[in-house]
Each structure stands twice: as C-alpha cells, then as structure tokens.
Amino acid sequence: MNCPYCAAPGTRMETHAHLGTDHADQVRMFRDEAKDQARFALGCPFCDEGLERVANPRGREPGFLEEFRREITLVAFDLLLYHLHASHAELVGLPAIPVDEPTPGETR
C-alpha cells in the first residue's frame, strides 16, 4: 500500500502509523457550537467524498479534542483507509475488492 499523500510504501499498519505522524495536519478538529459537539473531518485526496464525525458525543469536556488529538487523528485515518480500499484501491497500490456477482437465479 502507498500513502495517499506522498506515496510512501508500507503495509496497511505502517501506512496508518505514517499518516498519523506525517500527515496529521490533514485531520480537522473543531467544535460545532450549534450542536454542542466536538467533531473531526478529513477529505479524501482522490475524490470529493470526505468524512465528518462526532468525536465526543456528549461534547461536554472542553479539552477533549486537544487531549485526544492523536487518537482522533488515527480514527480518522482508519476510516480514510477503509474508503481508499473500497473506492480507490488501485491509486494506493491495493487490489480491488472483488464484487460478488449473484449466480443466475440467486436472490439477495
């Protein structure tokens, strides 16, 4: 697998760690004051599909984002790696996920 930002090669685990150390600035963390939530966001480097999630559903701890910045960053990159494998495997040096075609007469 290759890093989607700089093409550094490695296993999935190595790429995940590399993303967390070398590209942590790609993950945006912020407070959604209207919803009183701590959130994180990360765009896909290959398409317009990005991700945005609640980092702390209760959102009551003001220092949560800073205290857990590394963990939140790794979660964001884990989600990105799943997206890359499903949607852009060939761009990061992974085999495409095989699509199971139903056999004739099979219902799903």
N, C-alpha and C. Protein backbone atom coordinates (compact mmCIF):
# COMPACT_ATOMS: atom_id res chain seq x y z
N MET A 1 0.85 -1.18 0.00
CA MET A 1 0.00 0.00 0.00
C MET A 1 0.89 1.23 0.00
N ASN A 2 0.40 2.29 -0.62
CA ASN A 2 1.14 3.55 -0.67
C ASN A 2 0.35 4.66 0.02
N CYS A 3 1.06 5.56 0.66
CA CYS A 3 0.42 6.70 1.30
C CYS A 3 -0.32 7.52 0.24
N PRO A 4 -1.56 7.91 0.51
CA PRO A 4 -2.31 8.69 -0.48
C PRO A 4 -1.82 10.13 -0.62
N TYR A 5 -0.97 10.58 0.28
CA TYR A 5 -0.48 11.96 0.23
C TYR A 5 0.92 12.06 -0.36
N CYS A 6 1.79 11.10 -0.05
CA CYS A 6 3.18 11.21 -0.52
C CYS A 6 3.70 9.94 -1.17
N ALA A 7 2.86 8.92 -1.31
CA ALA A 7 3.19 7.65 -1.96
C ALA A 7 4.23 6.82 -1.22
N ALA A 8 4.51 7.12 0.05
CA ALA A 8 5.44 6.30 0.83
C ALA A 8 4.87 4.88 0.92
N PRO A 9 5.67 3.87 0.62
CA PRO A 9 5.17 2.49 0.65
C PRO A 9 5.16 1.91 2.07
N GLY A 10 4.31 0.93 2.28
CA GLY A 10 4.27 0.24 3.56
C GLY A 10 3.07 -0.69 3.63
N THR A 11 3.01 -1.45 4.69
CA THR A 11 1.83 -2.28 4.93
C THR A 11 0.70 -1.34 5.36
N ARG A 12 -0.50 -1.89 5.50
CA ARG A 12 -1.61 -1.05 5.95
C ARG A 12 -1.29 -0.46 7.33
N MET A 13 -0.75 -1.28 8.21
CA MET A 13 -0.44 -0.81 9.56
C MET A 13 0.65 0.27 9.52
N GLU A 14 1.67 0.06 8.70
CA GLU A 14 2.74 1.06 8.58
C GLU A 14 2.20 2.35 7.97
N THR A 15 1.34 2.22 6.97
CA THR A 15 0.76 3.40 6.33
C THR A 15 -0.13 4.15 7.32
N HIS A 16 -0.88 3.42 8.12
CA HIS A 16 -1.74 4.05 9.13
C HIS A 16 -0.88 4.85 10.11
N ALA A 17 0.20 4.26 10.59
CA ALA A 17 1.09 4.96 11.52
C ALA A 17 1.74 6.16 10.84
N HIS A 18 2.18 5.98 9.60
CA HIS A 18 2.80 7.07 8.83
C HIS A 18 1.83 8.24 8.67
N LEU A 19 0.58 7.95 8.34
CA LEU A 19 -0.42 9.01 8.20
C LEU A 19 -0.56 9.79 9.50
N GLY A 20 -0.60 9.07 10.61
CA GLY A 20 -0.77 9.71 11.91
C GLY A 20 0.40 10.58 12.31
N THR A 21 1.60 10.23 11.88
CA THR A 21 2.77 11.03 12.25
C THR A 21 3.12 12.10 11.22
N ASP A 22 3.00 11.75 9.94
CA ASP A 22 3.46 12.67 8.89
C ASP A 22 2.36 13.53 8.26
N HIS A 23 1.12 13.14 8.43
CA HIS A 23 0.04 13.87 7.75
C HIS A 23 -1.11 14.21 8.70
N ALA A 24 -0.83 14.29 9.97
CA ALA A 24 -1.88 14.58 10.96
C ALA A 24 -2.56 15.92 10.69
N ASP A 25 -1.87 16.81 10.01
CA ASP A 25 -2.45 18.13 9.71
C ASP A 25 -3.62 18.05 8.74
N GLN A 26 -3.83 16.90 8.12
CA GLN A 26 -4.95 16.73 7.20
C GLN A 26 -6.29 16.58 7.94
N VAL A 27 -6.22 16.20 9.21
CA VAL A 27 -7.44 15.99 10.01
C VAL A 27 -7.80 17.31 10.68
N ARG A 28 -9.01 17.74 10.44
CA ARG A 28 -9.50 18.99 11.02
C ARG A 28 -10.38 18.66 12.22
N MET A 29 -10.11 19.30 13.35
CA MET A 29 -10.91 19.10 14.55
C MET A 29 -11.52 20.43 14.95
N PHE A 30 -12.78 20.38 15.35
CA PHE A 30 -13.46 21.63 15.67
C PHE A 30 -14.66 21.36 16.56
N ARG A 31 -15.16 22.42 17.16
CA ARG A 31 -16.38 22.33 17.96
C ARG A 31 -17.53 22.87 17.13
N ASP A 32 -18.59 22.12 17.06
CA ASP A 32 -19.83 22.57 16.45
C ASP A 32 -20.65 23.16 17.59
N GLU A 33 -20.56 24.45 17.73
CA GLU A 33 -21.21 25.12 18.86
C GLU A 33 -22.73 24.97 18.81
N ALA A 34 -23.30 24.99 17.61
CA ALA A 34 -24.75 24.89 17.48
C ALA A 34 -25.27 23.55 18.02
N LYS A 35 -24.49 22.50 17.83
CA LYS A 35 -24.90 21.17 18.30
C LYS A 35 -24.19 20.77 19.59
N ASP A 36 -23.30 21.65 20.07
CA ASP A 36 -22.51 21.37 21.27
C ASP A 36 -21.78 20.03 21.14
N GLN A 37 -21.05 19.89 20.01
CA GLN A 37 -20.32 18.65 19.74
C GLN A 37 -18.88 18.94 19.33
N ALA A 38 -18.00 18.04 19.73
CA ALA A 38 -16.64 18.03 19.22
C ALA A 38 -16.65 17.15 17.98
N ARG A 39 -16.07 17.62 16.87
CA ARG A 39 -16.13 16.89 15.61
C ARG A 39 -14.75 16.83 14.96
N PHE A 40 -14.60 15.88 14.03
CA PHE A 40 -13.40 15.83 13.20
C PHE A 40 -13.82 15.61 11.76
N ALA A 41 -12.97 16.06 10.85
CA ALA A 41 -13.26 15.93 9.42
C ALA A 41 -11.96 15.65 8.68
N LEU A 42 -12.09 14.90 7.59
CA LEU A 42 -10.95 14.56 6.75
C LEU A 42 -11.46 14.35 5.33
N GLY A 43 -10.85 15.05 4.39
CA GLY A 43 -11.23 14.90 2.99
C GLY A 43 -10.45 13.78 2.34
N CYS A 44 -11.03 13.19 1.31
CA CYS A 44 -10.33 12.18 0.53
C CYS A 44 -9.41 12.90 -0.46
N PRO A 45 -8.15 12.47 -0.57
CA PRO A 45 -7.25 13.13 -1.51
C PRO A 45 -7.55 12.81 -2.98
N PHE A 46 -8.47 11.88 -3.24
CA PHE A 46 -8.74 11.47 -4.62
C PHE A 46 -10.14 11.83 -5.12
N CYS A 47 -11.04 12.14 -4.23
CA CYS A 47 -12.40 12.46 -4.66
C CYS A 47 -13.02 13.48 -3.70
N ASP A 48 -14.22 13.88 -3.99
CA ASP A 48 -14.89 14.88 -3.16
C ASP A 48 -15.52 14.29 -1.91
N GLU A 49 -15.48 12.98 -1.79
CA GLU A 49 -16.08 12.34 -0.62
C GLU A 49 -15.14 12.49 0.57
N GLY A 50 -15.61 13.14 1.57
CA GLY A 50 -14.84 13.27 2.79
C GLY A 50 -15.63 12.65 3.92
N LEU A 51 -15.09 12.76 5.10
CA LEU A 51 -15.82 12.24 6.24
C LEU A 51 -15.83 13.28 7.34
N GLU A 52 -16.90 13.28 8.07
CA GLU A 52 -17.02 14.14 9.24
C GLU A 52 -17.78 13.35 10.28
N ARG A 53 -17.24 13.31 11.47
CA ARG A 53 -17.86 12.52 12.54
C ARG A 53 -17.82 13.29 13.85
N VAL A 54 -18.68 12.86 14.75
CA VAL A 54 -18.67 13.38 16.12
C VAL A 54 -17.53 12.69 16.84
N ALA A 55 -16.68 13.47 17.49
CA ALA A 55 -15.55 12.90 18.22
C ALA A 55 -15.92 12.58 19.66
N ASN A 56 -16.81 13.34 20.21
CA ASN A 56 -17.24 13.14 21.59
C ASN A 56 -18.73 13.41 21.63
N PRO A 57 -19.55 12.36 21.60
CA PRO A 57 -20.99 12.57 21.50
C PRO A 57 -21.58 13.46 22.60
N ARG A 58 -21.01 13.40 23.77
CA ARG A 58 -21.54 14.24 24.85
C ARG A 58 -21.05 15.68 24.70
N GLY A 59 -19.86 15.86 24.18
CA GLY A 59 -19.33 17.18 23.89
C GLY A 59 -19.19 18.11 25.07
N ARG A 60 -19.18 17.58 26.25
CA ARG A 60 -19.18 18.44 27.44
C ARG A 60 -17.78 18.79 27.94
N GLU A 61 -16.78 18.06 27.50
CA GLU A 61 -15.43 18.29 28.00
C GLU A 61 -14.70 19.26 27.08
N PRO A 62 -14.41 20.46 27.54
CA PRO A 62 -13.81 21.47 26.66
C PRO A 62 -12.43 21.09 26.13
N GLY A 63 -11.65 20.32 26.85
CA GLY A 63 -10.31 19.95 26.39
C GLY A 63 -10.24 18.63 25.66
N PHE A 64 -11.38 18.04 25.34
CA PHE A 64 -11.41 16.70 24.75
C PHE A 64 -10.61 16.61 23.45
N LEU A 65 -10.83 17.53 22.53
CA LEU A 65 -10.14 17.45 21.23
C LEU A 65 -8.63 17.52 21.39
N GLU A 66 -8.17 18.39 22.23
CA GLU A 66 -6.72 18.51 22.42
C GLU A 66 -6.16 17.30 23.16
N GLU A 67 -6.86 16.85 24.18
CA GLU A 67 -6.39 15.72 24.98
C GLU A 67 -6.30 14.44 24.15
N PHE A 68 -7.25 14.24 23.25
CA PHE A 68 -7.30 13.00 22.48
C PHE A 68 -6.98 13.21 20.99
N ARG A 69 -6.24 14.27 20.69
CA ARG A 69 -5.92 14.61 19.30
C ARG A 69 -5.31 13.44 18.54
N ARG A 70 -4.32 12.78 19.10
CA ARG A 70 -3.66 11.67 18.40
C ARG A 70 -4.64 10.53 18.12
N GLU A 71 -5.42 10.16 19.11
CA GLU A 71 -6.37 9.06 18.94
C GLU A 71 -7.43 9.40 17.90
N ILE A 72 -7.93 10.63 17.94
CA ILE A 72 -8.94 11.06 16.96
C ILE A 72 -8.34 11.05 15.56
N THR A 73 -7.11 11.51 15.44
CA THR A 73 -6.42 11.51 14.15
C THR A 73 -6.30 10.10 13.60
N LEU A 74 -5.93 9.15 14.43
CA LEU A 74 -5.78 7.77 13.98
C LEU A 74 -7.13 7.16 13.58
N VAL A 75 -8.19 7.50 14.29
CA VAL A 75 -9.52 7.04 13.91
C VAL A 75 -9.89 7.60 12.53
N ALA A 76 -9.64 8.88 12.32
CA ALA A 76 -9.95 9.50 11.03
C ALA A 76 -9.19 8.80 9.90
N PHE A 77 -7.91 8.52 10.11
CA PHE A 77 -7.13 7.86 9.07
C PHE A 77 -7.55 6.41 8.87
N ASP A 78 -8.00 5.76 9.92
CA ASP A 78 -8.51 4.40 9.77
C ASP A 78 -9.74 4.41 8.85
N LEU A 79 -10.63 5.35 9.08
CA LEU A 79 -11.81 5.48 8.22
C LEU A 79 -11.41 5.81 6.79
N LEU A 80 -10.41 6.67 6.63
CA LEU A 80 -9.93 7.01 5.29
C LEU A 80 -9.38 5.77 4.59
N LEU A 81 -8.62 4.95 5.30
CA LEU A 81 -8.04 3.75 4.68
C LEU A 81 -9.13 2.80 4.20
N TYR A 82 -10.20 2.66 4.97
CA TYR A 82 -11.32 1.83 4.51
C TYR A 82 -11.92 2.41 3.22
N HIS A 83 -12.10 3.71 3.18
CA HIS A 83 -12.64 4.37 1.99
C HIS A 83 -11.70 4.17 0.79
N LEU A 84 -10.40 4.35 1.02
CA LEU A 84 -9.43 4.20 -0.07
C LEU A 84 -9.46 2.78 -0.63
N HIS A 85 -9.53 1.80 0.23
CA HIS A 85 -9.55 0.41 -0.24
C HIS A 85 -10.83 0.14 -1.03
N ALA A 86 -11.94 0.65 -0.56
CA ALA A 86 -13.22 0.41 -1.23
C ALA A 86 -13.37 1.19 -2.53
N SER A 87 -12.83 2.41 -2.58
CA SER A 87 -13.10 3.29 -3.72
C SER A 87 -11.90 3.63 -4.59
N HIS A 88 -10.69 3.52 -4.06
CA HIS A 88 -9.51 3.96 -4.81
C HIS A 88 -8.34 2.99 -4.65
N ALA A 89 -8.63 1.71 -4.55
CA ALA A 89 -7.60 0.72 -4.26
C ALA A 89 -6.40 0.83 -5.21
N GLU A 90 -6.68 0.94 -6.49
CA GLU A 90 -5.59 0.98 -7.47
C GLU A 90 -4.70 2.21 -7.31
N LEU A 91 -5.23 3.28 -6.76
CA LEU A 91 -4.44 4.51 -6.60
C LEU A 91 -3.48 4.44 -5.42
N VAL A 92 -3.71 3.50 -4.51
CA VAL A 92 -2.82 3.35 -3.35
C VAL A 92 -2.13 1.99 -3.35
N GLY A 93 -2.15 1.33 -4.49
CA GLY A 93 -1.41 0.08 -4.63
C GLY A 93 -2.05 -1.13 -3.98
N LEU A 94 -3.37 -1.14 -3.88
CA LEU A 94 -4.08 -2.28 -3.30
C LEU A 94 -4.89 -2.98 -4.38
N PRO A 95 -5.13 -4.28 -4.21
CA PRO A 95 -6.02 -4.94 -5.15
C PRO A 95 -7.46 -4.48 -4.90
N ALA A 96 -8.22 -4.41 -5.96
CA ALA A 96 -9.63 -4.02 -5.81
C ALA A 96 -10.37 -5.07 -5.00
N ILE A 97 -11.36 -4.63 -4.28
CA ILE A 97 -12.21 -5.55 -3.52
C ILE A 97 -13.10 -6.26 -4.54
N PRO A 98 -13.07 -7.59 -4.56
CA PRO A 98 -13.90 -8.30 -5.55
C PRO A 98 -15.38 -8.07 -5.30
N VAL A 99 -16.10 -7.95 -6.38
CA VAL A 99 -17.55 -7.77 -6.30
C VAL A 99 -18.19 -9.13 -6.53
N ASP A 100 -18.99 -9.56 -5.58
CA ASP A 100 -19.69 -10.83 -5.73
C ASP A 100 -20.88 -10.63 -6.66
N GLU A 101 -20.83 -11.30 -7.78
CA GLU A 101 -21.95 -11.25 -8.71
C GLU A 101 -22.90 -12.39 -8.35
N PRO A 102 -24.19 -12.12 -8.28
CA PRO A 102 -25.12 -13.20 -7.97
C PRO A 102 -25.14 -14.22 -9.11
N THR A 103 -25.25 -15.47 -8.74
CA THR A 103 -25.37 -16.51 -9.76
C THR A 103 -26.78 -16.45 -10.33
N PRO A 104 -26.96 -16.91 -11.55
CA PRO A 104 -28.30 -16.86 -12.15
C PRO A 104 -29.33 -17.55 -11.25
N GLY A 105 -30.42 -16.87 -11.03
CA GLY A 105 -31.49 -17.41 -10.20
C GLY A 105 -31.35 -17.10 -8.72
N GLU A 106 -30.19 -16.58 -8.31
CA GLU A 106 -29.96 -16.26 -6.90
C GLU A 106 -30.61 -14.92 -6.58
N THR A 107 -31.23 -14.84 -5.43
CA THR A 107 -31.81 -13.57 -4.98
C THR A 107 -31.04 -13.09 -3.77
N ARG A 108 -31.02 -11.80 -3.62
CA ARG A 108 -30.32 -11.20 -2.47
C ARG A 108 -31.23 -10.30 -1.72
